[in-house]
């Protein structure tokens, strides 16, 4: 089964702010995830549907949608579910799964402590 990762960030009018996700996508390509596409909810391209189209065009049979969001606001609770439903209807032969957002992950506490220590140096 060909698996794809569809990374989803909010998006910004500032091009440099969007480049973080592009660099992360490049680092996440692996033998298990040959297809990794960055996408944005709004304000930047490619939008989620377009990046989902790209995953399918590259042969993905399973697309894992990972929200690059810290909290479960309206985008995570509503907008991303709508994107999942849209892509699932558009490509019924492809399985789309929405992963959890980053916020509740325990490693974030470790990262925050690292940032505090960096600031104190």
N, C-alpha and C. Protein backbone atom coordinates (compact mmCIF):
# COMPACT_ATOMS: atom_id res chain seq x y z
N UNK A 1 0.84 -1.19 0.00
CA UNK A 1 0.00 0.00 0.00
C UNK A 1 0.88 1.25 0.00
N UNK A 2 0.60 2.16 -0.88
CA UNK A 2 1.37 3.41 -0.95
C UNK A 2 0.74 4.41 0.02
N UNK A 3 1.56 4.85 0.98
CA UNK A 3 1.09 5.77 2.02
C UNK A 3 1.63 7.17 1.77
N UNK A 4 0.80 8.14 2.04
CA UNK A 4 1.21 9.54 1.91
C UNK A 4 0.95 10.28 3.22
N UNK A 5 1.76 11.28 3.45
CA UNK A 5 1.58 12.18 4.58
C UNK A 5 1.18 13.54 4.02
N UNK A 6 0.07 14.05 4.49
CA UNK A 6 -0.40 15.38 4.11
C UNK A 6 -0.31 16.26 5.36
N UNK A 7 0.74 17.07 5.42
CA UNK A 7 0.94 17.99 6.55
C UNK A 7 0.06 19.21 6.33
N UNK A 8 -0.60 19.64 7.39
CA UNK A 8 -1.53 20.77 7.26
C UNK A 8 -1.21 21.83 8.31
N UNK A 9 -0.83 23.01 7.84
CA UNK A 9 -0.60 24.16 8.72
C UNK A 9 -1.66 25.22 8.42
N UNK A 10 -1.73 26.22 9.27
CA UNK A 10 -2.72 27.28 9.07
C UNK A 10 -2.44 28.05 7.79
N UNK A 11 -1.20 28.46 7.60
CA UNK A 11 -0.83 29.28 6.46
C UNK A 11 -0.70 30.73 6.86
N UNK A 12 0.15 31.44 6.14
CA UNK A 12 0.43 32.84 6.44
C UNK A 12 0.63 33.60 5.13
N UNK A 13 0.37 34.89 5.17
CA UNK A 13 0.68 35.72 4.00
C UNK A 13 2.20 35.89 3.85
N UNK A 14 2.91 35.65 4.94
CA UNK A 14 4.37 35.76 4.94
C UNK A 14 4.97 34.45 4.41
N UNK A 15 5.57 34.52 3.23
CA UNK A 15 6.11 33.33 2.57
C UNK A 15 7.14 32.61 3.44
N UNK A 16 7.98 33.36 4.12
CA UNK A 16 9.02 32.74 4.97
C UNK A 16 8.40 31.93 6.10
N UNK A 17 7.28 32.37 6.63
CA UNK A 17 6.61 31.63 7.71
C UNK A 17 6.11 30.28 7.20
N UNK A 18 5.72 30.22 5.95
CA UNK A 18 5.22 28.97 5.37
C UNK A 18 6.34 27.98 5.03
N UNK A 19 7.55 28.47 4.89
CA UNK A 19 8.66 27.61 4.47
C UNK A 19 9.04 26.58 5.53
N UNK A 20 8.75 26.85 6.80
CA UNK A 20 9.05 25.86 7.85
C UNK A 20 8.38 24.52 7.54
N UNK A 21 7.13 24.57 7.12
CA UNK A 21 6.38 23.35 6.82
C UNK A 21 6.97 22.63 5.60
N UNK A 22 7.40 23.39 4.62
CA UNK A 22 8.00 22.80 3.42
C UNK A 22 9.28 22.06 3.79
N UNK A 23 10.11 22.66 4.62
CA UNK A 23 11.36 22.01 5.04
C UNK A 23 11.06 20.76 5.88
N UNK A 24 10.08 20.84 6.75
CA UNK A 24 9.69 19.68 7.55
C UNK A 24 9.21 18.55 6.65
N UNK A 25 8.41 18.87 5.66
CA UNK A 25 7.91 17.84 4.74
C UNK A 25 9.06 17.12 4.05
N UNK A 26 10.06 17.85 3.63
CA UNK A 26 11.22 17.23 2.97
C UNK A 26 11.95 16.29 3.91
N UNK A 27 12.04 16.64 5.18
CA UNK A 27 12.74 15.80 6.16
C UNK A 27 11.95 14.54 6.52
N UNK A 28 10.66 14.55 6.31
CA UNK A 28 9.82 13.42 6.71
C UNK A 28 9.65 12.34 5.64
N UNK A 29 10.16 12.58 4.44
CA UNK A 29 10.09 11.56 3.40
C UNK A 29 10.91 10.35 3.85
N UNK A 30 10.32 9.15 3.72
CA UNK A 30 11.00 7.93 4.15
C UNK A 30 10.55 6.77 3.27
N UNK A 31 11.10 5.60 3.55
CA UNK A 31 10.67 4.43 2.78
C UNK A 31 9.22 4.08 3.07
N UNK A 32 8.76 4.38 4.28
CA UNK A 32 7.36 4.09 4.63
C UNK A 32 6.42 5.17 4.10
N UNK A 33 6.90 6.40 4.04
CA UNK A 33 6.10 7.51 3.52
C UNK A 33 6.84 8.14 2.34
N UNK A 34 6.62 7.57 1.17
CA UNK A 34 7.31 8.08 -0.01
C UNK A 34 6.74 9.42 -0.48
N UNK A 35 5.50 9.65 -0.15
CA UNK A 35 4.82 10.88 -0.58
C UNK A 35 4.56 11.73 0.66
N UNK A 36 5.12 12.93 0.67
CA UNK A 36 4.88 13.86 1.78
C UNK A 36 4.60 15.23 1.15
N UNK A 37 3.42 15.74 1.41
CA UNK A 37 3.01 17.02 0.83
C UNK A 37 2.63 18.02 1.92
N UNK A 38 3.20 19.21 1.88
CA UNK A 38 2.76 20.28 2.78
C UNK A 38 1.49 20.92 2.22
N UNK A 39 0.65 21.43 3.11
CA UNK A 39 -0.55 22.14 2.66
C UNK A 39 -0.95 23.16 3.72
N UNK A 40 -1.83 24.06 3.31
CA UNK A 40 -2.23 25.15 4.19
C UNK A 40 -3.75 25.29 4.18
N UNK A 41 -4.29 25.57 5.34
CA UNK A 41 -5.73 25.76 5.48
C UNK A 41 -6.19 27.02 4.75
N UNK A 42 -5.40 28.07 4.86
CA UNK A 42 -5.75 29.34 4.21
C UNK A 42 -4.51 30.22 4.09
N UNK A 43 -4.62 31.25 3.31
CA UNK A 43 -3.59 32.30 3.17
C UNK A 43 -2.33 31.87 2.42
N UNK A 44 -2.21 30.61 2.05
CA UNK A 44 -1.02 30.14 1.34
C UNK A 44 -1.40 28.93 0.48
N UNK A 45 -0.51 28.61 -0.43
CA UNK A 45 -0.73 27.46 -1.31
C UNK A 45 0.42 26.49 -1.18
N UNK A 46 0.15 25.21 -1.40
CA UNK A 46 -1.11 24.64 -1.86
C UNK A 46 -2.11 24.49 -0.72
N UNK A 47 -3.37 24.65 -1.05
CA UNK A 47 -4.42 24.41 -0.08
C UNK A 47 -4.57 22.90 0.13
N UNK A 48 -5.30 22.52 1.15
CA UNK A 48 -5.43 21.11 1.53
C UNK A 48 -5.94 20.26 0.37
N UNK A 49 -7.00 20.68 -0.28
CA UNK A 49 -7.57 19.87 -1.36
C UNK A 49 -6.57 19.68 -2.49
N UNK A 50 -5.86 20.72 -2.86
CA UNK A 50 -4.87 20.63 -3.93
C UNK A 50 -3.76 19.66 -3.57
N UNK A 51 -3.26 19.75 -2.34
CA UNK A 51 -2.20 18.83 -1.90
C UNK A 51 -2.72 17.41 -1.81
N UNK A 52 -3.98 17.24 -1.41
CA UNK A 52 -4.60 15.91 -1.40
C UNK A 52 -4.69 15.36 -2.81
N UNK A 53 -5.05 16.21 -3.77
CA UNK A 53 -5.07 15.80 -5.18
C UNK A 53 -3.69 15.31 -5.62
N UNK A 54 -2.65 16.02 -5.19
CA UNK A 54 -1.28 15.65 -5.55
C UNK A 54 -0.92 14.29 -4.97
N UNK A 55 -1.29 14.04 -3.73
CA UNK A 55 -1.02 12.73 -3.11
C UNK A 55 -1.65 11.61 -3.94
N UNK A 56 -2.90 11.80 -4.32
CA UNK A 56 -3.61 10.78 -5.09
C UNK A 56 -2.97 10.63 -6.47
N UNK A 57 -2.63 11.74 -7.11
CA UNK A 57 -2.00 11.68 -8.44
C UNK A 57 -0.66 10.94 -8.40
N UNK A 58 0.02 10.99 -7.26
CA UNK A 58 1.30 10.28 -7.11
C UNK A 58 1.11 8.81 -6.73
N UNK A 59 -0.15 8.38 -6.59
CA UNK A 59 -0.43 6.98 -6.35
C UNK A 59 -0.79 6.58 -4.93
N UNK A 60 -1.02 7.54 -4.06
CA UNK A 60 -1.34 7.22 -2.66
C UNK A 60 -2.64 6.43 -2.57
N UNK A 61 -2.60 5.39 -1.74
CA UNK A 61 -3.79 4.61 -1.44
C UNK A 61 -4.30 4.92 -0.03
N UNK A 62 -3.40 5.44 0.80
CA UNK A 62 -3.72 5.88 2.16
C UNK A 62 -3.05 7.23 2.36
N UNK A 63 -3.84 8.22 2.76
CA UNK A 63 -3.31 9.56 3.02
C UNK A 63 -3.56 9.88 4.49
N UNK A 64 -2.47 10.09 5.23
CA UNK A 64 -2.55 10.45 6.64
C UNK A 64 -2.43 11.97 6.73
N UNK A 65 -3.47 12.60 7.20
CA UNK A 65 -3.52 14.06 7.31
C UNK A 65 -3.10 14.45 8.72
N UNK A 66 -1.98 15.17 8.84
CA UNK A 66 -1.46 15.54 10.16
C UNK A 66 -1.57 17.05 10.35
N UNK A 67 -2.41 17.48 11.30
CA UNK A 67 -2.54 18.90 11.58
C UNK A 67 -1.31 19.43 12.33
N UNK A 68 -0.68 20.43 11.77
CA UNK A 68 0.47 21.09 12.38
C UNK A 68 -0.07 22.26 13.21
N UNK A 69 -0.92 21.90 14.19
CA UNK A 69 -1.61 22.87 15.04
C UNK A 69 -1.35 22.50 16.49
N UNK A 70 -1.23 23.51 17.36
CA UNK A 70 -1.00 23.25 18.77
C UNK A 70 -2.28 23.04 19.57
N UNK A 71 -3.37 23.61 19.14
CA UNK A 71 -4.60 23.47 19.93
C UNK A 71 -5.76 23.02 19.04
N UNK A 72 -6.78 22.50 19.69
CA UNK A 72 -7.94 21.97 18.98
C UNK A 72 -9.01 23.05 18.84
N UNK A 73 -8.67 24.09 18.13
CA UNK A 73 -9.63 25.15 17.87
C UNK A 73 -10.58 24.76 16.74
N UNK A 74 -11.26 25.74 16.21
CA UNK A 74 -12.28 25.49 15.18
C UNK A 74 -11.68 24.84 13.94
N UNK A 75 -10.45 25.19 13.61
CA UNK A 75 -9.84 24.59 12.42
C UNK A 75 -9.68 23.08 12.58
N UNK A 76 -9.19 22.66 13.73
CA UNK A 76 -8.98 21.23 13.98
C UNK A 76 -10.31 20.51 14.17
N UNK A 77 -11.22 21.11 14.92
CA UNK A 77 -12.49 20.45 15.24
C UNK A 77 -13.50 20.47 14.11
N UNK A 78 -13.39 21.42 13.18
CA UNK A 78 -14.40 21.55 12.13
C UNK A 78 -13.80 21.55 10.72
N UNK A 79 -12.92 22.52 10.46
CA UNK A 79 -12.42 22.72 9.10
C UNK A 79 -11.66 21.51 8.56
N UNK A 80 -10.82 20.91 9.39
CA UNK A 80 -10.03 19.78 8.90
C UNK A 80 -10.89 18.53 8.71
N UNK A 81 -11.91 18.39 9.52
CA UNK A 81 -12.85 17.28 9.33
C UNK A 81 -13.60 17.46 8.00
N UNK A 82 -13.96 18.70 7.70
CA UNK A 82 -14.61 18.98 6.41
C UNK A 82 -13.68 18.66 5.25
N UNK A 83 -12.40 18.98 5.38
CA UNK A 83 -11.43 18.67 4.33
C UNK A 83 -11.29 17.16 4.15
N UNK A 84 -11.25 16.44 5.26
CA UNK A 84 -11.19 14.98 5.22
C UNK A 84 -12.41 14.41 4.48
N UNK A 85 -13.58 14.90 4.83
CA UNK A 85 -14.81 14.42 4.19
C UNK A 85 -14.83 14.75 2.70
N UNK A 86 -14.38 15.94 2.34
CA UNK A 86 -14.35 16.35 0.94
C UNK A 86 -13.44 15.43 0.12
N UNK A 87 -12.23 15.21 0.63
CA UNK A 87 -11.28 14.36 -0.10
C UNK A 87 -11.76 12.91 -0.15
N UNK A 88 -12.36 12.43 0.92
CA UNK A 88 -12.88 11.06 0.95
C UNK A 88 -13.98 10.86 -0.08
N UNK A 89 -14.84 11.85 -0.24
CA UNK A 89 -15.91 11.77 -1.25
C UNK A 89 -15.34 11.88 -2.66
N UNK A 90 -14.35 12.74 -2.82
CA UNK A 90 -13.75 12.96 -4.13
C UNK A 90 -12.99 11.72 -4.61
N UNK A 91 -12.36 11.01 -3.66
CA UNK A 91 -11.55 9.83 -3.99
C UNK A 91 -11.99 8.64 -3.13
N UNK A 92 -13.12 8.02 -3.45
CA UNK A 92 -13.63 6.93 -2.61
C UNK A 92 -12.72 5.70 -2.55
N UNK A 93 -11.84 5.52 -3.52
CA UNK A 93 -10.93 4.37 -3.52
C UNK A 93 -9.69 4.60 -2.65
N UNK A 94 -9.53 5.83 -2.17
CA UNK A 94 -8.37 6.18 -1.35
C UNK A 94 -8.84 6.38 0.09
N UNK A 95 -8.06 5.87 1.03
CA UNK A 95 -8.40 6.03 2.45
C UNK A 95 -7.71 7.28 2.99
N UNK A 96 -8.47 8.15 3.62
CA UNK A 96 -7.94 9.36 4.26
C UNK A 96 -8.16 9.24 5.76
N UNK A 97 -7.10 9.52 6.53
CA UNK A 97 -7.20 9.47 8.00
C UNK A 97 -6.66 10.77 8.56
N UNK A 98 -7.36 11.32 9.54
CA UNK A 98 -6.94 12.56 10.19
C UNK A 98 -6.28 12.22 11.52
N UNK A 99 -5.00 12.52 11.65
CA UNK A 99 -4.27 12.29 12.90
C UNK A 99 -4.59 13.41 13.89
N UNK A 100 -4.20 13.20 15.13
CA UNK A 100 -4.40 14.22 16.15
C UNK A 100 -3.47 15.41 15.95
N UNK A 101 -3.88 16.56 16.48
CA UNK A 101 -3.04 17.76 16.40
C UNK A 101 -1.87 17.62 17.39
N UNK A 102 -0.90 18.50 17.29
CA UNK A 102 0.34 18.37 18.06
C UNK A 102 0.19 18.72 19.54
N UNK A 103 -0.71 19.62 19.85
CA UNK A 103 -0.82 20.20 21.19
C UNK A 103 -0.75 19.31 22.39
N UNK A 104 -1.50 18.22 22.44
CA UNK A 104 -1.50 17.44 23.68
C UNK A 104 -0.30 16.50 23.82
N UNK A 105 0.59 16.47 22.86
CA UNK A 105 1.69 15.50 22.92
C UNK A 105 2.68 15.87 24.03
N UNK A 106 3.08 14.89 24.86
CA UNK A 106 3.96 15.17 26.00
C UNK A 106 5.35 15.69 25.61
N UNK A 107 5.81 15.43 24.41
CA UNK A 107 7.12 15.93 24.00
C UNK A 107 7.14 17.45 23.88
N UNK A 108 5.99 18.08 23.74
CA UNK A 108 5.96 19.54 23.66
C UNK A 108 6.47 20.17 24.95
N UNK A 109 6.20 19.55 26.08
CA UNK A 109 6.72 20.06 27.35
C UNK A 109 8.25 20.06 27.33
N UNK A 110 8.82 18.99 26.80
CA UNK A 110 10.28 18.90 26.69
C UNK A 110 10.83 20.00 25.79
N UNK A 111 10.17 20.23 24.68
CA UNK A 111 10.60 21.28 23.75
C UNK A 111 10.51 22.65 24.41
N UNK A 112 9.44 22.91 25.13
CA UNK A 112 9.28 24.20 25.82
C UNK A 112 10.39 24.39 26.84
N UNK A 113 10.72 23.34 27.59
CA UNK A 113 11.82 23.44 28.57
C UNK A 113 13.15 23.72 27.87
N UNK A 114 13.37 23.10 26.71
CA UNK A 114 14.58 23.38 25.93
C UNK A 114 14.63 24.85 25.53
N UNK A 115 13.51 25.38 25.06
CA UNK A 115 13.46 26.79 24.64
C UNK A 115 13.72 27.72 25.82
N UNK A 116 13.20 27.38 26.99
CA UNK A 116 13.45 28.19 28.19
C UNK A 116 14.94 28.19 28.51
N UNK A 117 15.55 27.01 28.50
CA UNK A 117 16.99 26.91 28.78
C UNK A 117 17.83 27.67 27.76
N UNK A 118 17.43 27.61 26.50
CA UNK A 118 18.14 28.37 25.46
C UNK A 118 18.06 29.87 25.73
N UNK A 119 16.89 30.33 26.14
CA UNK A 119 16.70 31.76 26.41
C UNK A 119 17.50 32.22 27.63
N UNK A 120 17.72 31.32 28.57
CA UNK A 120 18.44 31.67 29.80
C UNK A 120 19.96 31.64 29.63
N UNK A 121 20.44 31.14 28.53
CA UNK A 121 21.90 31.07 28.32
C UNK A 121 22.48 32.40 27.97
